[in-house]
Amino acid sequence: MSAITRIQDLNSYDKAAALMIALGEEHGAMIWELLDDEEIKELSLAMSSLGTVEADVVEELFLEFANGVSSVGSLTGSFDNTERLLNKMLPGERVSQIMDEIRGPAGRTMWDKLGNVNEVVLATYLKNEYPQTVSVILSKIKPEHASAVLSVLPDEFAMEVINRMLKMEPVQKDILDKVESTLRVEFMNNLARTSRKDSHETIAEIFNFLDRASETRFLTALEDRNRESAERIRALMFTFEDLQKLDATGTQTLLRNIDKDRLGLAMKGASDKIRDLFFSNMSERAAKILKEDMEAMGPVKLKDVDEAQMEIVTVAKDLADAGEIILSDNKGEDELIY
């Protein structure tokens, strides 16, 4: 990062950050004490990303402090010196929370931040942990990210994790605190509030985001070990084929909210029933164009079809959350998943 040589290059946050760095511990302590947590986070973020400000810019910006800062030379704002400065003026726990908030990966809670860690990196770390620990972590992060992590874990280890999740009791606070503390050290993330949902539902949501081959592999292996749980998970899963339960109004609403090119790709691997559902709710001309587009695609990769189907199911679920359509689950027409 090049040094800041013009005052015009500083926004209001940068100016405040430069001031606080220039004031230092002795003169800045009283100001820090008057700030609330949100103000401290915003100011700390600006300080940590400020970089180098040339001395003449500092003098121009803070004429009233010229005598005090002219001997300092340039100022360098970074995560390390920001943290050192805060540690001298604020309680250690508060500093830790503030610095965790402004460091990456992005996200407000620890589990949000963990969701931004590459699945291969996270899986490489988790495969050396106890299966029970991994089951706690995967139950806390987003299902789509958990599925990506699960698919790259060793098969035997992954199945052990799945079985632990199925049998999981509400996690004791001291255990969760220990897991969170370890993850904070490894990924510099925040603590998060815990939530509890049915373990079969958690697995079903994760499996919804697996590609077809991985889904079949895990469900088949699970059936050999625990047929009852496998059947329950299968019943809770919502797939592209389940969209055939939409009524005409719901189908037309969905069609207005999806990319027709992605629909064509998704239907390359769909049953005649689901194809008829969409074609019958289009104009004759639109259906003809879509059929021609599908034929023109030629052979397509199963992975690409799975991704397109997953995107459309996600849109359908969002519409259901908003109350614009009603989705029925696999257990019957009268039961709703939303």
Protein backbone atom coordinates (compact mmCIF):
# COMPACT_ATOMS: atom_id res chain seq x y z
CA MET A 1 0.00 0.00 0.00
CA SER A 2 1.49 3.35 -1.04
CA ALA A 3 1.71 6.20 1.44
CA ILE A 4 -1.07 8.80 1.56
CA THR A 5 0.41 12.08 0.27
CA ARG A 6 -2.70 14.24 -0.19
CA ILE A 7 -5.30 15.23 2.35
CA GLN A 8 -7.95 14.75 -0.35
CA ASP A 9 -7.25 11.01 -0.21
CA LEU A 10 -8.51 10.80 3.38
CA ASN A 11 -12.19 10.29 4.11
CA SER A 12 -13.76 11.21 7.44
CA TYR A 13 -13.01 7.81 8.99
CA ASP A 14 -9.37 8.00 7.84
CA LYS A 15 -9.02 11.45 9.37
CA ALA A 16 -10.38 10.24 12.71
CA ALA A 17 -8.08 7.21 12.57
CA ALA A 18 -5.03 9.38 11.84
CA LEU A 19 -5.94 11.66 14.72
CA MET A 20 -6.22 8.78 17.20
CA ILE A 21 -2.92 7.27 16.09
CA ALA A 22 -1.26 10.68 16.36
CA LEU A 23 -2.69 11.28 19.84
CA GLY A 24 -1.46 7.88 21.02
CA GLU A 25 -2.16 6.30 24.39
CA GLU A 26 -1.66 9.25 26.71
CA HIS A 27 -3.80 11.83 24.94
CA GLY A 28 -6.24 9.44 23.30
CA ALA A 29 -7.34 7.47 26.37
CA MET A 30 -10.02 9.95 27.40
CA ILE A 31 -11.52 9.90 23.90
CA TRP A 32 -11.63 6.10 23.72
CA GLU A 33 -13.47 5.96 27.01
CA LEU A 34 -16.23 8.18 25.61
CA LEU A 35 -16.87 6.00 22.54
CA ASP A 36 -19.44 3.19 22.43
CA ASP A 37 -18.62 -0.27 21.09
CA GLU A 38 -19.93 0.44 17.59
CA GLU A 39 -17.89 3.63 17.32
CA ILE A 40 -14.79 1.81 18.55
CA LYS A 41 -15.31 -0.92 15.93
CA GLU A 42 -15.68 1.61 13.11
CA LEU A 43 -12.67 3.64 14.25
CA SER A 44 -10.55 0.53 14.81
CA LEU A 45 -11.39 -0.76 11.34
CA ALA A 46 -10.30 2.57 9.83
CA MET A 47 -7.08 2.54 11.86
CA SER A 48 -6.22 -1.03 10.89
CA SER A 49 -6.57 -0.31 7.17
CA LEU A 50 -5.15 3.23 7.12
CA GLY A 51 -1.63 2.37 6.08
CA THR A 52 1.00 5.09 5.95
CA VAL A 53 0.11 8.80 6.12
CA GLU A 54 2.91 11.21 5.24
CA ALA A 55 3.86 13.70 7.96
CA ASP A 56 2.99 16.78 5.91
CA VAL A 57 -0.55 15.44 5.44
CA VAL A 58 -0.83 14.87 9.18
CA GLU A 59 0.33 18.42 9.85
CA GLU A 60 -2.05 19.89 7.32
CA LEU A 61 -4.96 17.88 8.72
CA PHE A 62 -4.24 18.56 12.39
CA LEU A 63 -2.80 22.06 12.49
CA GLU A 64 -3.68 22.43 16.14
CA PHE A 65 -1.49 19.43 16.91
CA ALA A 66 1.35 20.40 14.54
CA ASN A 67 3.94 20.82 17.31
CA GLY A 68 3.06 17.44 18.75
CA VAL A 69 3.06 15.40 15.58
CA SER A 70 5.74 17.05 13.45
CA SER A 71 8.46 15.03 15.17
CA VAL A 72 6.61 11.77 14.70
CA GLY A 73 7.16 11.61 10.95
CA SER A 74 4.85 9.26 9.11
CA LEU A 75 2.12 7.22 10.76
CA THR A 76 1.43 3.56 10.03
CA GLY A 77 -1.95 2.05 10.81
CA SER A 78 -2.18 -1.77 10.93
CA PHE A 79 -4.02 -4.53 12.77
CA ASP A 80 -1.08 -5.11 15.11
CA ASN A 81 -0.47 -1.55 16.27
CA THR A 82 -4.23 -0.92 16.52
CA GLU A 83 -4.57 -3.95 18.79
CA ARG A 84 -1.56 -2.89 20.88
CA LEU A 85 -3.00 0.59 21.34
CA LEU A 86 -6.44 -0.73 22.34
CA ASN A 87 -4.91 -3.21 24.80
CA LYS A 88 -3.36 -0.33 26.71
CA MET A 89 -6.70 1.42 27.16
CA LEU A 90 -9.47 -1.22 27.15
CA PRO A 91 -10.13 -4.56 28.86
CA GLY A 92 -8.53 -7.51 27.06
CA GLU A 93 -11.83 -9.30 26.37
CA ARG A 94 -13.36 -6.18 24.82
CA VAL A 95 -10.28 -5.65 22.64
CA SER A 96 -10.43 -9.26 21.48
CA GLN A 97 -14.07 -8.92 20.47
CA ILE A 98 -13.42 -5.67 18.62
CA MET A 99 -10.41 -7.01 16.72
CA ASP A 100 -12.21 -10.24 15.83
CA GLU A 101 -15.05 -8.12 14.44
CA ILE A 102 -12.81 -6.18 12.06
CA ARG A 103 -10.60 -9.07 10.97
CA GLY A 104 -11.60 -11.55 8.25
CA PRO A 105 -13.13 -13.74 7.14
CA ALA A 106 -16.16 -11.49 6.82
CA GLY A 107 -19.23 -12.19 8.96
CA ARG A 108 -20.77 -11.00 12.19
CA THR A 109 -20.80 -14.28 14.16
CA MET A 110 -18.21 -17.01 14.43
CA TRP A 111 -20.36 -19.40 12.40
CA ASP A 112 -20.89 -16.77 9.67
CA LYS A 113 -17.15 -16.30 9.46
CA LEU A 114 -16.52 -20.05 9.43
CA GLY A 115 -18.87 -20.27 6.45
CA ASN A 116 -16.40 -18.12 4.49
CA VAL A 117 -13.51 -20.54 5.03
CA ASN A 118 -12.78 -22.66 1.95
CA GLU A 119 -14.32 -26.13 2.38
CA VAL A 120 -11.04 -27.90 1.61
CA VAL A 121 -9.16 -25.80 4.17
CA LEU A 122 -11.87 -26.39 6.77
CA ALA A 123 -12.11 -30.13 6.01
CA THR A 124 -8.32 -30.48 6.25
CA TYR A 125 -8.50 -28.98 9.72
CA LEU A 126 -11.59 -30.91 10.83
CA LYS A 127 -10.42 -34.37 9.73
CA ASN A 128 -7.85 -34.24 12.54
CA GLU A 129 -10.52 -33.46 15.13
CA TYR A 130 -12.80 -35.88 16.99
CA PRO A 131 -15.93 -36.83 14.98
CA GLN A 132 -18.10 -35.53 17.83
CA THR A 133 -16.42 -32.12 17.60
CA VAL A 134 -16.87 -32.03 13.83
CA SER A 135 -20.55 -32.97 14.21
CA VAL A 136 -21.08 -29.96 16.48
CA ILE A 137 -19.38 -27.64 13.98
CA LEU A 138 -21.27 -28.93 10.93
CA SER A 139 -24.58 -28.62 12.76
CA LYS A 140 -23.86 -24.95 13.41
CA ILE A 141 -22.74 -23.72 9.97
CA LYS A 142 -24.95 -23.23 6.90
CA PRO A 143 -26.15 -26.50 5.30
CA GLU A 144 -24.72 -25.68 1.87
CA HIS A 145 -21.27 -25.10 3.36
CA ALA A 146 -21.54 -28.15 5.61
CA SER A 147 -22.35 -30.31 2.57
CA ALA A 148 -19.27 -29.00 0.74
CA VAL A 149 -17.09 -29.82 3.75
CA LEU A 150 -18.72 -33.23 4.21
CA SER A 151 -18.13 -34.20 0.58
CA VAL A 152 -14.36 -33.71 0.86
CA LEU A 153 -13.90 -35.46 4.21
CA PRO A 154 -12.70 -39.10 4.08
CA ASP A 155 -15.75 -41.35 3.55
CA GLU A 156 -15.42 -43.40 6.74
CA PHE A 157 -14.81 -40.29 8.83
CA ALA A 158 -17.73 -38.47 7.16
CA MET A 159 -20.11 -41.35 7.96
CA GLU A 160 -18.97 -41.34 11.57
CA VAL A 161 -19.70 -37.60 11.73
CA ILE A 162 -23.18 -38.10 10.21
CA ASN A 163 -24.04 -40.80 12.75
CA ARG A 164 -22.82 -38.57 15.59
CA MET A 165 -25.06 -35.77 14.30
CA LEU A 166 -28.07 -38.09 14.20
CA LYS A 167 -27.54 -39.06 17.83
CA MET A 168 -26.55 -35.60 18.99
CA GLU A 169 -28.09 -34.31 22.18
CA PRO A 170 -28.26 -30.58 22.95
CA VAL A 171 -24.62 -29.55 23.30
CA GLN A 172 -23.53 -28.56 26.80
CA LYS A 173 -22.39 -24.96 27.05
CA ASP A 174 -18.89 -25.78 28.32
CA ILE A 175 -18.31 -28.12 25.37
CA LEU A 176 -19.56 -25.56 22.85
CA ASP A 177 -17.45 -22.86 24.50
CA LYS A 178 -14.39 -25.06 24.12
CA VAL A 179 -15.15 -25.70 20.44
CA GLU A 180 -15.71 -22.00 19.84
CA SER A 181 -12.55 -21.07 21.69
CA THR A 182 -10.51 -23.44 19.51
CA LEU A 183 -12.09 -22.09 16.35
CA ARG A 184 -11.47 -18.51 17.45
CA VAL A 185 -7.77 -19.28 17.70
CA GLU A 186 -7.68 -21.08 14.36
CA PHE A 187 -9.89 -18.74 12.31
CA MET A 188 -10.07 -15.53 14.42
CA ASN A 189 -13.85 -15.62 14.58
CA ASN A 190 -16.53 -14.42 16.99
CA LEU A 191 -18.64 -16.36 19.44
CA ALA A 192 -22.15 -17.09 18.22
CA ARG A 193 -25.47 -17.73 19.87
CA THR A 194 -26.45 -21.39 19.78
CA SER A 195 -29.54 -22.76 18.12
CA ARG A 196 -31.04 -26.22 18.15
CA LYS A 197 -32.90 -28.08 15.43
CA ASP A 198 -33.80 -31.70 14.78
CA SER A 199 -30.68 -33.63 13.78
CA HIS A 200 -32.46 -35.37 10.88
CA GLU A 201 -33.60 -31.99 9.56
CA THR A 202 -30.03 -30.68 9.78
CA ILE A 203 -28.70 -33.64 7.79
CA ALA A 204 -31.54 -33.32 5.25
CA GLU A 205 -30.71 -29.65 4.68
CA ILE A 206 -27.03 -30.51 4.23
CA PHE A 207 -27.84 -33.35 1.84
CA ASN A 208 -30.04 -31.00 -0.20
CA PHE A 209 -26.87 -29.21 -1.26
CA LEU A 210 -24.86 -32.32 -2.16
CA ASP A 211 -24.37 -33.26 -5.77
CA ARG A 212 -26.37 -36.30 -6.88
CA ALA A 213 -23.46 -38.76 -6.66
CA SER A 214 -22.48 -37.71 -3.13
CA GLU A 215 -26.11 -37.71 -1.98
CA THR A 216 -26.63 -41.26 -3.26
CA ARG A 217 -23.34 -42.41 -1.74
CA PHE A 218 -24.11 -41.08 1.73
CA LEU A 219 -27.76 -42.17 1.79
CA THR A 220 -26.88 -45.68 0.60
CA ALA A 221 -24.16 -46.02 3.23
CA LEU A 222 -26.51 -44.66 5.89
CA GLU A 223 -29.25 -47.13 4.93
CA ASP A 224 -26.84 -49.98 5.63
CA ARG A 225 -26.21 -48.66 9.12
CA ASN A 226 -29.48 -47.02 10.09
CA ARG A 227 -32.36 -47.55 7.65
CA GLU A 228 -34.91 -45.72 9.81
CA SER A 229 -32.81 -42.55 9.95
CA ALA A 230 -32.03 -42.75 6.23
CA GLU A 231 -35.74 -42.96 5.38
CA ARG A 232 -36.56 -40.07 7.68
CA ILE A 233 -33.82 -37.91 6.14
CA ARG A 234 -34.96 -38.81 2.62
CA ALA A 235 -38.51 -37.78 3.55
CA LEU A 236 -37.30 -34.41 4.87
CA MET A 237 -35.24 -33.60 1.80
CA PHE A 238 -36.74 -31.34 -0.85
CA THR A 239 -35.59 -31.94 -4.40
CA PHE A 240 -36.16 -30.48 -7.85
CA GLU A 241 -38.67 -33.29 -8.58
CA ASP A 242 -40.76 -32.20 -5.59
CA LEU A 243 -41.59 -29.01 -7.49
CA GLN A 244 -44.14 -31.03 -9.48
CA LYS A 245 -46.44 -30.58 -6.45
CA LEU A 246 -46.71 -26.85 -7.18
CA ASP A 247 -50.07 -25.63 -8.41
CA ALA A 248 -50.39 -23.58 -11.62
CA THR A 249 -50.19 -20.24 -9.80
CA GLY A 250 -47.11 -21.30 -7.83
CA THR A 251 -45.41 -22.63 -10.96
CA GLN A 252 -46.03 -19.39 -12.84
CA THR A 253 -44.71 -17.37 -9.90
CA LEU A 254 -41.57 -19.51 -9.86
CA LEU A 255 -41.13 -19.13 -13.63
CA ARG A 256 -41.16 -15.35 -13.28
CA ASN A 257 -38.32 -15.49 -10.78
CA ILE A 258 -35.84 -17.87 -12.43
CA ASP A 259 -33.44 -17.70 -15.33
CA LYS A 260 -34.96 -19.61 -18.26
CA ASP A 261 -31.51 -20.74 -19.44
CA ARG A 262 -30.89 -22.33 -16.02
CA LEU A 263 -34.35 -23.92 -16.15
CA GLY A 264 -33.55 -25.51 -19.50
CA LEU A 265 -30.33 -26.96 -18.09
CA ALA A 266 -32.11 -28.17 -14.94
CA MET A 267 -34.80 -29.94 -16.98
CA LYS A 268 -32.21 -31.84 -19.02
CA GLY A 269 -32.05 -34.22 -16.07
CA ALA A 270 -35.69 -34.03 -14.98
CA SER A 271 -38.60 -36.45 -15.30
CA ASP A 272 -41.37 -36.04 -17.89
CA LYS A 273 -43.75 -34.97 -15.09
CA ILE A 274 -41.63 -32.00 -14.02
CA ARG A 275 -41.02 -31.03 -17.65
CA ASP A 276 -44.76 -31.12 -18.38
CA LEU A 277 -45.40 -28.97 -15.29
CA PHE A 278 -43.21 -26.14 -16.54
CA PHE A 279 -44.07 -26.41 -20.24
CA SER A 280 -47.83 -26.42 -19.50
CA ASN A 281 -47.49 -23.18 -17.54
CA MET A 282 -45.70 -21.34 -20.35
CA SER A 283 -47.05 -19.84 -23.51
CA GLU A 284 -46.86 -22.15 -26.50
CA ARG A 285 -44.17 -19.97 -28.03
CA ALA A 286 -42.05 -19.82 -24.85
CA ALA A 287 -42.30 -23.60 -24.39
CA LYS A 288 -41.25 -24.16 -28.01
CA ILE A 289 -38.23 -21.88 -27.62
CA LEU A 290 -37.16 -23.57 -24.37
CA LYS A 291 -37.45 -27.05 -25.93
CA GLU A 292 -35.32 -25.92 -28.86
CA ASP A 293 -32.75 -24.45 -26.49
CA MET A 294 -32.60 -27.73 -24.54
CA GLU A 295 -32.05 -29.70 -27.75
CA ALA A 296 -29.33 -27.29 -28.84
CA MET A 297 -27.44 -27.85 -25.56
CA GLY A 298 -26.60 -31.40 -26.53
CA PRO A 299 -24.97 -33.58 -23.83
CA VAL A 300 -24.45 -31.75 -20.53
CA LYS A 301 -22.54 -32.64 -17.37
CA LEU A 302 -24.57 -34.11 -14.52
CA LYS A 303 -22.80 -31.72 -12.12
CA ASP A 304 -24.04 -28.72 -14.13
CA VAL A 305 -27.61 -30.08 -14.11
CA ASP A 306 -27.45 -30.61 -10.34
CA GLU A 307 -26.24 -27.05 -9.78
CA ALA A 308 -29.02 -25.60 -11.96
CA GLN A 309 -31.67 -27.67 -10.17
CA MET A 310 -30.28 -26.60 -6.78
CA GLU A 311 -30.48 -22.93 -7.79
CA ILE A 312 -34.13 -23.26 -8.78
CA VAL A 313 -35.04 -25.14 -5.59
CA THR A 314 -33.34 -22.38 -3.58
CA VAL A 315 -35.43 -19.73 -5.39
CA ALA A 316 -38.57 -21.79 -4.70
CA LYS A 317 -37.73 -21.99 -1.00
CA ASP A 318 -37.11 -18.23 -0.85
CA LEU A 319 -40.51 -17.62 -2.48
CA ALA A 320 -42.11 -20.00 0.01
CA ASP A 321 -40.44 -18.13 2.89
CA ALA A 322 -41.94 -14.92 1.51
CA GLY A 323 -45.38 -16.55 1.36
CA GLU A 324 -45.62 -16.25 -2.43
CA ILE A 325 -45.86 -20.00 -3.10
CA ILE A 326 -46.60 -23.14 -1.08
CA LEU A 327 -44.29 -26.14 -1.20
CA SER A 328 -45.43 -29.63 -0.16
CA ASP A 329 -42.93 -32.07 1.25
CA ASN A 330 -42.49 -35.76 0.43
CA LYS A 331 -44.84 -36.96 3.15
CA GLY A 332 -48.13 -35.80 1.66
CA GLU A 333 -50.00 -33.09 -0.17
CA ASP A 334 -51.54 -31.65 2.98
CA GLU A 335 -48.28 -31.17 4.92
CA LEU A 336 -46.25 -28.05 4.34
CA ILE A 337 -42.52 -27.53 4.77
CA TYR A 338 -43.07 -23.78 5.03
